[in-house]
Amino acid sequence: MKPYLVSQEVLARQVYRYDPAYRFAAFVFFCFLLAQVPAVAWLVYERQIGAERQERASQLNADAAKIDNEHKALAETEKKLRRIQDLAPILRARLPISAVLGKIEQLAPPDLTVSKISVDAAGFQPLQVETGLFHVPQQIRVAIEGEQRLQDADAYNKLAQALLHSLPPESTIAEKSITGGEHYRTFRLTLIAPTNGNYFGLGVTKIASQNSL
């Protein structure tokens, strides 16, 4: 008996609904669709990460350009600072002459009369700064000459020890001599001090701030 009262579309839907082959094909199709979900999620995630990386790269490029512009603006200042650093050994190799003279005047006993003070540099070391060659002294030689009364035979030695105590710890007494006389004795003291030593014992103080000059 032919199904005259049932159309072919209805029969096709019934076959599609109940036939095992069609059901298996539908199952495979839906499994394929479900398998695409992780891939789609991964693609969306990678796209988001790529956008964030591109934004970060743009920000880094902008920061690099800003830093480069600031560096160009400070190029002249960096050049001056570099020159000051190169000159630092020369600036450190200085002896506060006024402080030395003031300390000698302060420590000289009443029985001593200082007639001559000479300060000479020694132990020069060549230093190349840019296109110039400088000879930087490593030592300072302080020579003191004068006369001593006979009342205190050890006055010149006391002056030498007191002055040595005020100079940096590396300082030494290179010469200490005295010649006799009827009423006065002529003495000579020679002390050697490093140029880069600590001269705070002479009364030299650190600069507290930049505006104190």
N, C-alpha and C. Protein backbone atom coordinates (compact mmCIF):
# COMPACT_ATOMS: atom_id res chain seq x y z
N MET A 1 0.85 -1.19 0.00
CA MET A 1 0.00 0.00 0.00
C MET A 1 0.88 1.23 0.00
N LYS A 2 0.75 2.08 -0.92
CA LYS A 2 1.55 3.29 -1.05
C LYS A 2 1.00 4.37 -0.14
N PRO A 3 1.92 5.10 0.45
CA PRO A 3 1.47 6.19 1.36
C PRO A 3 1.04 7.41 0.57
N TYR A 4 -0.18 7.33 -0.05
CA TYR A 4 -0.65 8.46 -0.85
C TYR A 4 -0.98 9.67 0.02
N LEU A 5 -1.34 9.38 1.26
CA LEU A 5 -1.76 10.49 2.12
C LEU A 5 -0.58 11.13 2.87
N VAL A 6 0.65 10.58 2.71
CA VAL A 6 1.84 11.13 3.39
C VAL A 6 2.80 11.66 2.32
N SER A 7 3.21 12.90 2.47
CA SER A 7 4.08 13.51 1.47
C SER A 7 5.50 13.01 1.63
N GLN A 8 6.31 13.24 0.60
CA GLN A 8 7.72 12.82 0.62
C GLN A 8 8.53 13.63 1.63
N GLU A 9 8.17 14.89 1.87
CA GLU A 9 8.88 15.70 2.85
C GLU A 9 8.69 15.13 4.25
N VAL A 10 7.46 14.71 4.54
CA VAL A 10 7.19 14.13 5.86
C VAL A 10 7.96 12.84 6.03
N LEU A 11 7.99 12.02 4.97
CA LEU A 11 8.74 10.77 5.04
C LEU A 11 10.23 11.05 5.23
N ALA A 12 10.76 12.07 4.56
CA ALA A 12 12.18 12.40 4.71
C ALA A 12 12.49 12.85 6.13
N ARG A 13 11.58 13.64 6.70
CA ARG A 13 11.81 14.07 8.08
C ARG A 13 11.76 12.89 9.05
N GLN A 14 10.86 11.98 8.79
CA GLN A 14 10.77 10.81 9.65
C GLN A 14 12.03 9.95 9.55
N VAL A 15 12.51 9.79 8.31
CA VAL A 15 13.73 9.01 8.13
C VAL A 15 14.91 9.70 8.81
N TYR A 16 15.00 11.01 8.64
CA TYR A 16 16.11 11.78 9.25
C TYR A 16 16.04 11.71 10.77
N ARG A 17 14.81 11.66 11.30
CA ARG A 17 14.65 11.65 12.74
C ARG A 17 14.95 10.30 13.36
N TYR A 18 14.59 9.25 12.70
CA TYR A 18 14.66 7.93 13.34
C TYR A 18 15.72 7.02 12.73
N ASP A 19 16.25 7.35 11.59
CA ASP A 19 17.22 6.46 10.96
C ASP A 19 18.54 6.52 11.71
N PRO A 20 19.19 5.39 12.07
CA PRO A 20 20.45 5.40 12.83
C PRO A 20 21.59 6.08 12.07
N ALA A 21 21.66 5.95 10.79
CA ALA A 21 22.75 6.57 10.03
C ALA A 21 22.68 8.09 10.11
N TYR A 22 21.49 8.62 9.96
CA TYR A 22 21.33 10.07 10.06
C TYR A 22 21.62 10.56 11.47
N ARG A 23 21.19 9.79 12.46
CA ARG A 23 21.48 10.16 13.83
C ARG A 23 22.99 10.17 14.10
N PHE A 24 23.70 9.19 13.59
CA PHE A 24 25.16 9.15 13.78
C PHE A 24 25.84 10.33 13.09
N ALA A 25 25.32 10.65 11.87
CA ALA A 25 25.90 11.79 11.16
C ALA A 25 25.67 13.09 11.92
N ALA A 26 24.46 13.22 12.51
CA ALA A 26 24.18 14.44 13.28
C ALA A 26 25.05 14.51 14.53
N PHE A 27 25.24 13.33 15.14
CA PHE A 27 26.10 13.29 16.33
C PHE A 27 27.53 13.70 16.00
N VAL A 28 28.05 13.18 14.88
CA VAL A 28 29.41 13.54 14.47
C VAL A 28 29.50 15.03 14.16
N PHE A 29 28.45 15.57 13.52
CA PHE A 29 28.45 17.00 13.17
C PHE A 29 28.48 17.89 14.42
N PHE A 30 27.64 17.52 15.41
CA PHE A 30 27.62 18.32 16.64
C PHE A 30 28.92 18.17 17.43
N CYS A 31 29.50 16.97 17.39
CA CYS A 31 30.82 16.81 18.03
C CYS A 31 31.87 17.69 17.36
N PHE A 32 31.80 17.80 16.05
CA PHE A 32 32.73 18.66 15.32
C PHE A 32 32.55 20.12 15.72
N LEU A 33 31.27 20.52 15.85
CA LEU A 33 31.01 21.90 16.26
C LEU A 33 31.53 22.17 17.68
N LEU A 34 31.32 21.19 18.59
CA LEU A 34 31.82 21.38 19.95
C LEU A 34 33.34 21.42 19.99
N ALA A 35 33.97 20.65 19.09
CA ALA A 35 35.43 20.66 19.05
C ALA A 35 35.98 22.00 18.60
N GLN A 36 35.18 22.78 17.88
CA GLN A 36 35.65 24.08 17.40
C GLN A 36 35.61 25.15 18.48
N VAL A 37 34.90 24.89 19.59
CA VAL A 37 34.77 25.91 20.63
C VAL A 37 36.12 26.27 21.24
N PRO A 38 36.96 25.29 21.64
CA PRO A 38 38.28 25.67 22.18
C PRO A 38 39.14 26.43 21.17
N ALA A 39 39.05 26.02 19.88
CA ALA A 39 39.83 26.72 18.87
C ALA A 39 39.39 28.16 18.72
N VAL A 40 38.07 28.37 18.74
CA VAL A 40 37.55 29.75 18.64
C VAL A 40 37.96 30.57 19.86
N ALA A 41 37.86 29.93 21.05
CA ALA A 41 38.28 30.65 22.27
C ALA A 41 39.77 30.98 22.23
N TRP A 42 40.58 30.04 21.72
CA TRP A 42 42.01 30.29 21.62
C TRP A 42 42.31 31.42 20.64
N LEU A 43 41.58 31.45 19.51
CA LEU A 43 41.78 32.52 18.53
C LEU A 43 41.40 33.88 19.12
N VAL A 44 40.30 33.92 19.87
CA VAL A 44 39.89 35.18 20.49
C VAL A 44 40.92 35.63 21.52
N TYR A 45 41.42 34.67 22.30
CA TYR A 45 42.43 34.99 23.31
C TYR A 45 43.72 35.51 22.67
N GLU A 46 44.16 34.83 21.61
CA GLU A 46 45.37 35.27 20.92
C GLU A 46 45.19 36.64 20.30
N ARG A 47 44.02 36.90 19.80
CA ARG A 47 43.76 38.22 19.20
C ARG A 47 43.80 39.30 20.27
N GLN A 48 43.24 38.99 21.44
CA GLN A 48 43.28 39.96 22.54
C GLN A 48 44.71 40.19 23.02
N ILE A 49 45.45 39.10 23.16
CA ILE A 49 46.85 39.22 23.58
C ILE A 49 47.66 40.01 22.56
N GLY A 50 47.45 39.76 21.28
CA GLY A 50 48.15 40.50 20.24
C GLY A 50 47.84 41.99 20.30
N ALA A 51 46.56 42.32 20.55
CA ALA A 51 46.19 43.73 20.66
C ALA A 51 46.87 44.39 21.86
N GLU A 52 46.92 43.65 22.99
CA GLU A 52 47.59 44.19 24.17
C GLU A 52 49.09 44.36 23.93
N ARG A 53 49.70 43.40 23.24
CA ARG A 53 51.13 43.52 22.92
C ARG A 53 51.40 44.71 22.02
N GLN A 54 50.55 44.90 21.04
CA GLN A 54 50.73 46.03 20.14
C GLN A 54 50.56 47.35 20.88
N GLU A 55 49.58 47.40 21.79
CA GLU A 55 49.38 48.62 22.58
C GLU A 55 50.58 48.87 23.48
N ARG A 56 51.11 47.79 24.09
CA ARG A 56 52.28 47.93 24.95
C ARG A 56 53.50 48.36 24.15
N ALA A 57 53.67 47.81 22.95
CA ALA A 57 54.80 48.20 22.11
C ALA A 57 54.70 49.67 21.71
N SER A 58 53.48 50.13 21.41
CA SER A 58 53.29 51.54 21.07
C SER A 58 53.63 52.43 22.25
N GLN A 59 53.23 51.99 23.46
CA GLN A 59 53.53 52.79 24.65
C GLN A 59 55.03 52.83 24.91
N LEU A 60 55.70 51.68 24.72
CA LEU A 60 57.14 51.65 24.92
C LEU A 60 57.87 52.52 23.90
N ASN A 61 57.41 52.51 22.67
CA ASN A 61 58.02 53.36 21.66
C ASN A 61 57.85 54.84 22.01
N ALA A 62 56.65 55.17 22.50
CA ALA A 62 56.42 56.57 22.90
C ALA A 62 57.32 56.96 24.07
N ASP A 63 57.46 56.04 25.06
CA ASP A 63 58.33 56.33 26.20
C ASP A 63 59.79 56.45 25.76
N ALA A 64 60.21 55.56 24.83
CA ALA A 64 61.58 55.63 24.34
C ALA A 64 61.85 56.94 23.61
N ALA A 65 60.88 57.39 22.83
CA ALA A 65 61.04 58.67 22.13
C ALA A 65 61.12 59.83 23.13
N LYS A 66 60.31 59.75 24.19
CA LYS A 66 60.34 60.80 25.21
C LYS A 66 61.68 60.83 25.93
N ILE A 67 62.18 59.64 26.29
CA ILE A 67 63.47 59.56 26.97
C ILE A 67 64.59 60.05 26.06
N ASP A 68 64.50 59.72 24.78
CA ASP A 68 65.52 60.17 23.84
C ASP A 68 65.52 61.69 23.73
N ASN A 69 64.35 62.29 23.70
CA ASN A 69 64.28 63.76 23.64
C ASN A 69 64.85 64.39 24.90
N GLU A 70 64.52 63.79 26.07
CA GLU A 70 65.07 64.32 27.32
C GLU A 70 66.59 64.13 27.38
N HIS A 71 67.06 63.01 26.86
CA HIS A 71 68.51 62.77 26.85
C HIS A 71 69.23 63.79 25.98
N LYS A 72 68.63 64.12 24.84
CA LYS A 72 69.24 65.13 23.98
C LYS A 72 69.28 66.49 24.68
N ALA A 73 68.22 66.78 25.44
CA ALA A 73 68.19 68.07 26.14
C ALA A 73 69.25 68.14 27.24
N LEU A 74 69.60 66.97 27.82
CA LEU A 74 70.59 66.93 28.90
C LEU A 74 71.99 66.58 28.42
N ALA A 75 72.18 66.52 27.12
CA ALA A 75 73.49 66.12 26.58
C ALA A 75 74.59 67.09 27.01
N GLU A 76 74.30 68.38 26.97
CA GLU A 76 75.30 69.38 27.34
C GLU A 76 75.63 69.28 28.83
N THR A 77 74.60 69.05 29.65
CA THR A 77 74.84 68.89 31.10
C THR A 77 75.67 67.65 31.39
N GLU A 78 75.37 66.56 30.70
CA GLU A 78 76.16 65.34 30.88
C GLU A 78 77.62 65.55 30.47
N LYS A 79 77.82 66.34 29.44
CA LYS A 79 79.19 66.63 29.00
C LYS A 79 79.94 67.41 30.08
N LYS A 80 79.28 68.38 30.70
CA LYS A 80 79.91 69.15 31.76
C LYS A 80 80.19 68.28 32.98
N LEU A 81 79.23 67.43 33.35
CA LEU A 81 79.45 66.54 34.49
C LEU A 81 80.58 65.56 34.23
N ARG A 82 80.69 65.08 32.99
CA ARG A 82 81.77 64.16 32.65
C ARG A 82 83.12 64.87 32.77
N ARG A 83 83.15 66.13 32.40
CA ARG A 83 84.41 66.89 32.51
C ARG A 83 84.76 67.11 33.99
N ILE A 84 83.74 67.37 34.81
CA ILE A 84 84.01 67.54 36.25
C ILE A 84 84.53 66.25 36.84
N GLN A 85 83.97 65.11 36.42
CA GLN A 85 84.47 63.83 36.91
C GLN A 85 85.90 63.59 36.46
N ASP A 86 86.22 63.99 35.24
CA ASP A 86 87.60 63.85 34.78
C ASP A 86 88.55 64.74 35.56
N LEU A 87 88.05 65.90 35.98
CA LEU A 87 88.90 66.83 36.73
C LEU A 87 88.91 66.54 38.23
N ALA A 88 88.13 65.54 38.67
CA ALA A 88 88.05 65.25 40.10
C ALA A 88 89.41 64.96 40.73
N PRO A 89 90.30 64.15 40.09
CA PRO A 89 91.62 63.93 40.72
C PRO A 89 92.42 65.22 40.87
N ILE A 90 92.25 66.14 39.93
CA ILE A 90 92.98 67.41 40.02
C ILE A 90 92.40 68.27 41.14
N LEU A 91 91.07 68.26 41.26
CA LEU A 91 90.44 69.07 42.30
C LEU A 91 90.74 68.52 43.69
N ARG A 92 90.87 67.19 43.79
CA ARG A 92 91.18 66.60 45.09
C ARG A 92 92.62 66.82 45.50
N ALA A 93 93.51 66.96 44.53
CA ALA A 93 94.94 67.12 44.82
C ALA A 93 95.26 68.56 45.18
N ARG A 94 94.61 69.05 46.22
CA ARG A 94 94.83 70.43 46.65
C ARG A 94 95.07 70.46 48.14
N LEU A 95 95.90 71.37 48.56
CA LEU A 95 96.19 71.55 49.98
C LEU A 95 95.65 72.92 50.42
N PRO A 96 94.86 72.96 51.48
CA PRO A 96 94.35 74.26 51.96
C PRO A 96 95.48 75.07 52.60
N ILE A 97 96.18 75.85 51.77
CA ILE A 97 97.36 76.58 52.23
C ILE A 97 97.02 77.53 53.37
N SER A 98 95.89 78.23 53.24
CA SER A 98 95.53 79.18 54.30
C SER A 98 95.30 78.47 55.62
N ALA A 99 94.71 77.25 55.56
CA ALA A 99 94.50 76.50 56.80
C ALA A 99 95.82 76.04 57.40
N VAL A 100 96.78 75.66 56.54
CA VAL A 100 98.10 75.25 57.04
C VAL A 100 98.80 76.43 57.71
N LEU A 101 98.78 77.59 57.06
CA LEU A 101 99.41 78.77 57.65
C LEU A 101 98.74 79.16 58.96
N GLY A 102 97.42 79.09 58.99
CA GLY A 102 96.71 79.43 60.22
C GLY A 102 97.01 78.45 61.34
N LYS A 103 97.16 77.17 61.01
CA LYS A 103 97.47 76.18 62.04
C LYS A 103 98.89 76.36 62.56
N ILE A 104 99.84 76.70 61.68
CA ILE A 104 101.22 76.96 62.13
C ILE A 104 101.26 78.16 63.06
N GLU A 105 100.55 79.21 62.69
CA GLU A 105 100.49 80.39 63.54
C GLU A 105 99.85 80.07 64.88
N GLN A 106 98.85 79.19 64.88
CA GLN A 106 98.16 78.83 66.11
C GLN A 106 99.01 77.94 67.01
N LEU A 107 99.79 77.03 66.40
CA LEU A 107 100.56 76.06 67.19
C LEU A 107 101.96 76.53 67.56
N ALA A 108 102.45 77.56 66.92
CA ALA A 108 103.84 78.01 67.18
C ALA A 108 103.97 78.50 68.63
N PRO A 109 104.89 77.92 69.40
CA PRO A 109 105.09 78.37 70.79
C PRO A 109 105.65 79.79 70.83
N PRO A 110 105.54 80.46 71.97
CA PRO A 110 106.09 81.82 72.08
C PRO A 110 107.59 81.88 71.90
N ASP A 111 108.28 80.76 72.19
CA ASP A 111 109.73 80.77 72.08
C ASP A 111 110.22 80.58 70.65
N LEU A 112 109.30 80.38 69.70
CA LEU A 112 109.68 80.19 68.30
C LEU A 112 109.30 81.43 67.49
N THR A 113 110.17 81.75 66.56
CA THR A 113 109.90 82.83 65.60
C THR A 113 110.03 82.23 64.21
N VAL A 114 108.91 82.11 63.53
CA VAL A 114 108.90 81.53 62.18
C VAL A 114 109.26 82.62 61.18
N SER A 115 110.29 82.38 60.42
CA SER A 115 110.75 83.39 59.46
C SER A 115 110.43 83.01 58.01
N LYS A 116 110.23 81.73 57.74
CA LYS A 116 110.01 81.31 56.36
C LYS A 116 109.16 80.03 56.33
N ILE A 117 108.19 80.04 55.46
CA ILE A 117 107.35 78.85 55.24
C ILE A 117 107.25 78.65 53.73
N SER A 118 107.60 77.48 53.28
CA SER A 118 107.51 77.18 51.85
C SER A 118 106.69 75.90 51.66
N VAL A 119 105.85 75.91 50.65
CA VAL A 119 105.00 74.76 50.34
C VAL A 119 105.28 74.38 48.89
N ASP A 120 105.72 73.15 48.68
CA ASP A 120 106.05 72.66 47.33
C ASP A 120 105.30 71.36 47.06
N ALA A 121 105.00 71.13 45.80
CA ALA A 121 104.35 69.88 45.38
C ALA A 121 105.42 68.88 44.96
N ALA A 122 105.13 67.60 45.16
CA ALA A 122 106.08 66.53 44.82
C ALA A 122 105.30 65.29 44.39
N GLY A 123 106.04 64.36 43.77
CA GLY A 123 105.42 63.10 43.36
C GLY A 123 104.35 63.28 42.31
N PHE A 124 104.68 63.93 41.22
CA PHE A 124 103.68 64.22 40.19
C PHE A 124 103.30 62.96 39.42
N GLN A 125 102.02 62.89 39.08
CA GLN A 125 101.49 61.79 38.28
C GLN A 125 100.75 62.36 37.07
N PRO A 126 101.09 61.91 35.85
CA PRO A 126 100.39 62.44 34.67
C PRO A 126 98.94 61.97 34.61
N LEU A 127 98.08 62.88 34.20
CA LEU A 127 96.65 62.58 34.10
C LEU A 127 96.13 63.17 32.79
N GLN A 128 95.55 62.32 31.96
CA GLN A 128 95.00 62.75 30.68
C GLN A 128 93.54 63.13 30.85
N VAL A 129 93.21 64.38 30.55
CA VAL A 129 91.84 64.88 30.60
C VAL A 129 91.52 65.48 29.24
N GLU A 130 90.62 64.78 28.51
CA GLU A 130 90.27 65.18 27.15
C GLU A 130 91.55 65.28 26.31
N THR A 131 91.86 66.47 25.82
CA THR A 131 93.05 66.61 24.97
C THR A 131 94.25 67.17 25.72
N GLY A 132 94.11 67.39 27.04
CA GLY A 132 95.19 67.98 27.82
C GLY A 132 95.82 66.96 28.77
N LEU A 133 97.09 67.16 29.08
CA LEU A 133 97.83 66.32 30.00
C LEU A 133 98.20 67.15 31.22
N PHE A 134 97.76 66.69 32.38
CA PHE A 134 98.02 67.40 33.63
C PHE A 134 98.94 66.56 34.51
N HIS A 135 99.79 67.25 35.26
CA HIS A 135 100.66 66.59 36.23
C HIS A 135 100.09 66.86 37.62
N VAL A 136 99.52 65.83 38.20
CA VAL A 136 98.83 65.96 39.48
C VAL A 136 99.80 65.59 40.60
N PRO A 137 100.00 66.46 41.57
CA PRO A 137 100.91 66.13 42.68
C PRO A 137 100.29 65.11 43.63
N GLN A 138 101.11 64.21 44.11
CA GLN A 138 100.67 63.21 45.07
C GLN A 138 101.05 63.58 46.51
N GLN A 139 102.03 64.46 46.66
CA GLN A 139 102.48 64.86 47.98
C GLN A 139 102.69 66.37 48.04
N ILE A 140 102.60 66.89 49.23
CA ILE A 140 102.87 68.31 49.49
C ILE A 140 103.97 68.38 50.55
N ARG A 141 104.98 69.17 50.27
CA ARG A 141 106.10 69.33 51.20
C ARG A 141 106.00 70.72 51.85
N VAL A 142 105.89 70.72 53.17
CA VAL A 142 105.79 71.97 53.94
C VAL A 142 107.09 72.15 54.73
N ALA A 143 107.84 73.19 54.42
CA ALA A 143 109.11 73.48 55.08
C ALA A 143 108.96 74.74 55.93
N ILE A 144 109.39 74.66 57.17
CA ILE A 144 109.29 75.77 58.11
C ILE A 144 110.69 76.07 58.64
N GLU A 145 111.07 77.33 58.58
CA GLU A 145 112.36 77.77 59.10
C GLU A 145 112.14 78.93 60.06
N GLY A 146 113.01 79.03 61.07
CA GLY A 146 112.89 80.12 62.03
C GLY A 146 113.93 80.02 63.11
N GLU A 147 113.68 80.76 64.17
CA GLU A 147 114.62 80.81 65.29
C GLU A 147 113.90 80.43 66.58
N GLN A 148 114.68 79.86 67.49
CA GLN A 148 114.14 79.39 68.75
C GLN A 148 114.99 79.94 69.89
N ARG A 149 114.33 80.43 70.92
CA ARG A 149 115.05 80.90 72.11
C ARG A 149 115.58 79.69 72.89
N LEU A 150 116.55 79.99 73.75
CA LEU A 150 117.18 78.90 74.49
C LEU A 150 116.38 78.46 75.70
N GLN A 151 115.31 79.19 76.06
CA GLN A 151 114.56 78.82 77.25
C GLN A 151 113.91 77.44 77.11
N ASP A 152 113.37 77.14 75.93
CA ASP A 152 112.71 75.85 75.70
C ASP A 152 113.43 75.16 74.55
N ALA A 153 114.28 74.22 74.87
CA ALA A 153 115.08 73.56 73.83
C ALA A 153 114.27 72.64 72.94
N ASP A 154 113.07 72.27 73.39
CA ASP A 154 112.26 71.32 72.64
C ASP A 154 111.06 72.00 71.98
N ALA A 155 111.07 73.32 71.83
CA ALA A 155 109.91 74.03 71.30
C ALA A 155 109.66 73.67 69.83
N TYR A 156 110.73 73.58 69.04
CA TYR A 156 110.54 73.29 67.62
C TYR A 156 110.01 71.86 67.43
N ASN A 157 110.42 70.95 68.31
CA ASN A 157 109.93 69.57 68.23
C ASN A 157 108.45 69.50 68.60
N LYS A 158 108.03 70.30 69.57
CA LYS A 158 106.62 70.35 69.93
C LYS A 158 105.77 70.88 68.77
N LEU A 159 106.30 71.88 68.08
CA LEU A 159 105.60 72.40 66.90
C LEU A 159 105.48 71.33 65.82
N ALA A 160 106.54 70.56 65.60
CA ALA A 160 106.52 69.52 64.58
C ALA A 160 105.50 68.44 64.91
N GLN A 161 105.45 68.01 66.16
CA GLN A 161 104.53 66.95 66.56
C GLN A 161 103.08 67.44 66.52
N ALA A 162 102.83 68.67 66.95
CA ALA A 162 101.47 69.21 66.93
C ALA A 162 100.96 69.39 65.50
N LEU A 163 101.85 69.88 64.63
CA LEU A 163 101.46 70.06 63.24
C LEU A 163 101.25 68.71 62.55
N LEU A 164 102.09 67.73 62.88
CA LEU A 164 101.93 66.40 62.31
C LEU A 164 100.61 65.77 62.74
N HIS A 165 100.21 66.04 63.97
CA HIS A 165 98.95 65.51 64.47
C HIS A 165 97.76 66.15 63.76
N SER A 166 97.90 67.39 63.28
CA SER A 166 96.80 68.08 62.60
C SER A 166 96.69 67.69 61.13
N LEU A 167 97.79 67.22 60.54
CA LEU A 167 97.78 66.81 59.14
C LEU A 167 97.20 65.40 59.01
N PRO A 168 96.93 64.94 57.79
CA PRO A 168 96.38 63.59 57.59
C PRO A 168 97.26 62.51 58.19
N PRO A 169 96.69 61.35 58.53
CA PRO A 169 97.46 60.28 59.18
C PRO A 169 98.66 59.81 58.36
N GLU A 170 98.61 59.94 57.04
CA GLU A 170 99.72 59.48 56.21
C GLU A 170 100.91 60.45 56.19
N SER A 171 100.78 61.57 56.87
CA SER A 171 101.84 62.58 56.86
C SER A 171 103.05 62.11 57.69
N THR A 172 104.20 62.62 57.30
CA THR A 172 105.45 62.25 58.00
C THR A 172 106.33 63.49 58.16
N ILE A 173 107.29 63.39 59.09
CA ILE A 173 108.29 64.43 59.27
C ILE A 173 109.54 64.01 58.50
N ALA A 174 109.84 64.72 57.43
CA ALA A 174 110.97 64.36 56.58
C ALA A 174 112.29 64.92 57.11
N GLU A 175 112.23 66.06 57.79
CA GLU A 175 113.46 66.70 58.27
C GLU A 175 113.16 67.46 59.55
N LYS A 176 114.06 67.38 60.49
CA LYS A 176 113.93 68.11 61.74
C LYS A 176 115.34 68.39 62.27
N SER A 177 115.74 69.64 62.16
CA SER A 177 117.12 69.98 62.53
C SER A 177 117.15 71.33 63.23
N ILE A 178 118.19 71.53 64.03
CA ILE A 178 118.38 72.79 64.74
C ILE A 178 119.88 73.03 64.90
N THR A 179 120.29 74.25 64.70
CA THR A 179 121.70 74.63 64.83
C THR A 179 121.85 75.60 66.00
N GLY A 180 122.94 75.45 66.73
CA GLY A 180 123.12 76.23 67.93
C GLY A 180 123.54 77.66 67.67
N GLY A 181 123.29 78.49 68.64
CA GLY A 181 123.68 79.89 68.62
C GLY A 181 123.85 80.40 70.03
N GLU A 182 124.31 81.64 70.17
CA GLU A 182 124.55 82.17 71.52
C GLU A 182 123.26 82.46 72.25
N HIS A 183 122.31 83.11 71.58
CA HIS A 183 121.03 83.44 72.21
C HIS A 183 119.86 82.76 71.50
N TYR A 184 120.01 82.46 70.22
CA TYR A 184 118.95 81.86 69.45
C TYR A 184 119.51 80.66 68.69
N ARG A 185 118.64 79.74 68.41
CA ARG A 185 118.97 78.59 67.58
C ARG A 185 118.10 78.60 66.33
N THR A 186 118.72 78.29 65.22
CA THR A 186 117.99 78.24 63.96
C THR A 186 117.49 76.81 63.72
N PHE A 187 116.19 76.68 63.47
CA PHE A 187 115.62 75.35 63.26
C PHE A 187 115.01 75.26 61.85
N ARG A 188 114.84 74.03 61.42
CA ARG A 188 114.20 73.75 60.13
C ARG A 188 113.37 72.48 60.27
N LEU A 189 112.11 72.59 59.86
CA LEU A 189 111.18 71.45 59.88
C LEU A 189 110.64 71.23 58.48
N THR A 190 110.56 69.99 58.09
CA THR A 190 109.99 69.64 56.79
C THR A 190 109.00 68.49 57.00
N LEU A 191 107.77 68.72 56.61
CA LEU A 191 106.72 67.70 56.73
C LEU A 191 106.17 67.38 55.34
N ILE A 192 105.83 66.14 55.13
CA ILE A 192 105.27 65.68 53.85
C ILE A 192 103.86 65.16 54.12
N ALA A 193 102.90 65.68 53.36
CA ALA A 193 101.49 65.28 53.53
C ALA A 193 100.92 64.87 52.18
N PRO A 194 100.00 63.91 52.15
CA PRO A 194 99.36 63.53 50.89
C PRO A 194 98.36 64.58 50.44
N THR A 195 98.21 64.72 49.15
CA THR A 195 97.30 65.74 48.63
C THR A 195 95.84 65.32 48.75
N ASN A 196 95.56 64.02 48.82
CA ASN A 196 94.17 63.57 48.90
C ASN A 196 93.80 63.11 50.30
N GLY A 197 94.49 63.63 51.31
CA GLY A 197 94.23 63.21 52.68
C GLY A 197 93.09 64.00 53.31
N ASN A 198 92.83 63.65 54.57
CA ASN A 198 91.78 64.30 55.35
C ASN A 198 92.39 65.48 56.11
N TYR A 199 92.01 66.68 55.73
CA TYR A 199 92.57 67.89 56.33
C TYR A 199 91.60 68.55 57.30
N PHE A 200 90.67 67.78 57.86
CA PHE A 200 89.74 68.35 58.82
C PHE A 200 90.44 68.76 60.10
N GLY A 201 91.61 68.15 60.37
CA GLY A 201 92.37 68.53 61.56
C GLY A 201 92.90 69.94 61.51
N LEU A 202 92.95 70.53 60.31
CA LEU A 202 93.39 71.92 60.16
C LEU A 202 92.27 72.91 60.35
N GLY A 203 91.06 72.40 60.62
CA GLY A 203 89.92 73.28 60.76
C GLY A 203 89.09 73.40 59.51
N VAL A 204 89.43 72.61 58.48
CA VAL A 204 88.65 72.63 57.25
C VAL A 204 87.36 71.87 57.46
N THR A 205 86.24 72.41 57.05
CA THR A 205 84.94 71.77 57.21
C THR A 205 84.32 71.50 55.86
N LYS A 206 83.42 70.51 55.83
CA LYS A 206 82.71 70.17 54.60
C LYS A 206 81.68 71.24 54.27
N ILE A 207 81.38 71.36 52.99
CA ILE A 207 80.33 72.27 52.55
C ILE A 207 79.00 71.63 52.82
N ALA A 208 78.17 72.29 53.61
CA ALA A 208 76.89 71.67 54.01
C ALA A 208 75.91 71.60 52.86
N SER A 209 75.88 72.63 52.01
CA SER A 209 74.93 72.66 50.91
C SER A 209 75.54 73.40 49.75
N GLN A 210 74.87 73.33 48.60
CA GLN A 210 75.38 73.99 47.40
C GLN A 210 75.33 75.51 47.53
N ASN A 211 74.36 76.02 48.31
CA ASN A 211 74.18 77.47 48.39
C ASN A 211 75.02 78.11 49.48
N SER A 212 75.92 77.32 50.10
CA SER A 212 76.73 77.89 51.17
C SER A 212 77.99 78.56 50.66
N LEU A 213 78.23 78.49 49.34
CA LEU A 213 79.42 79.15 48.79
C LEU A 213 79.17 80.65 48.64
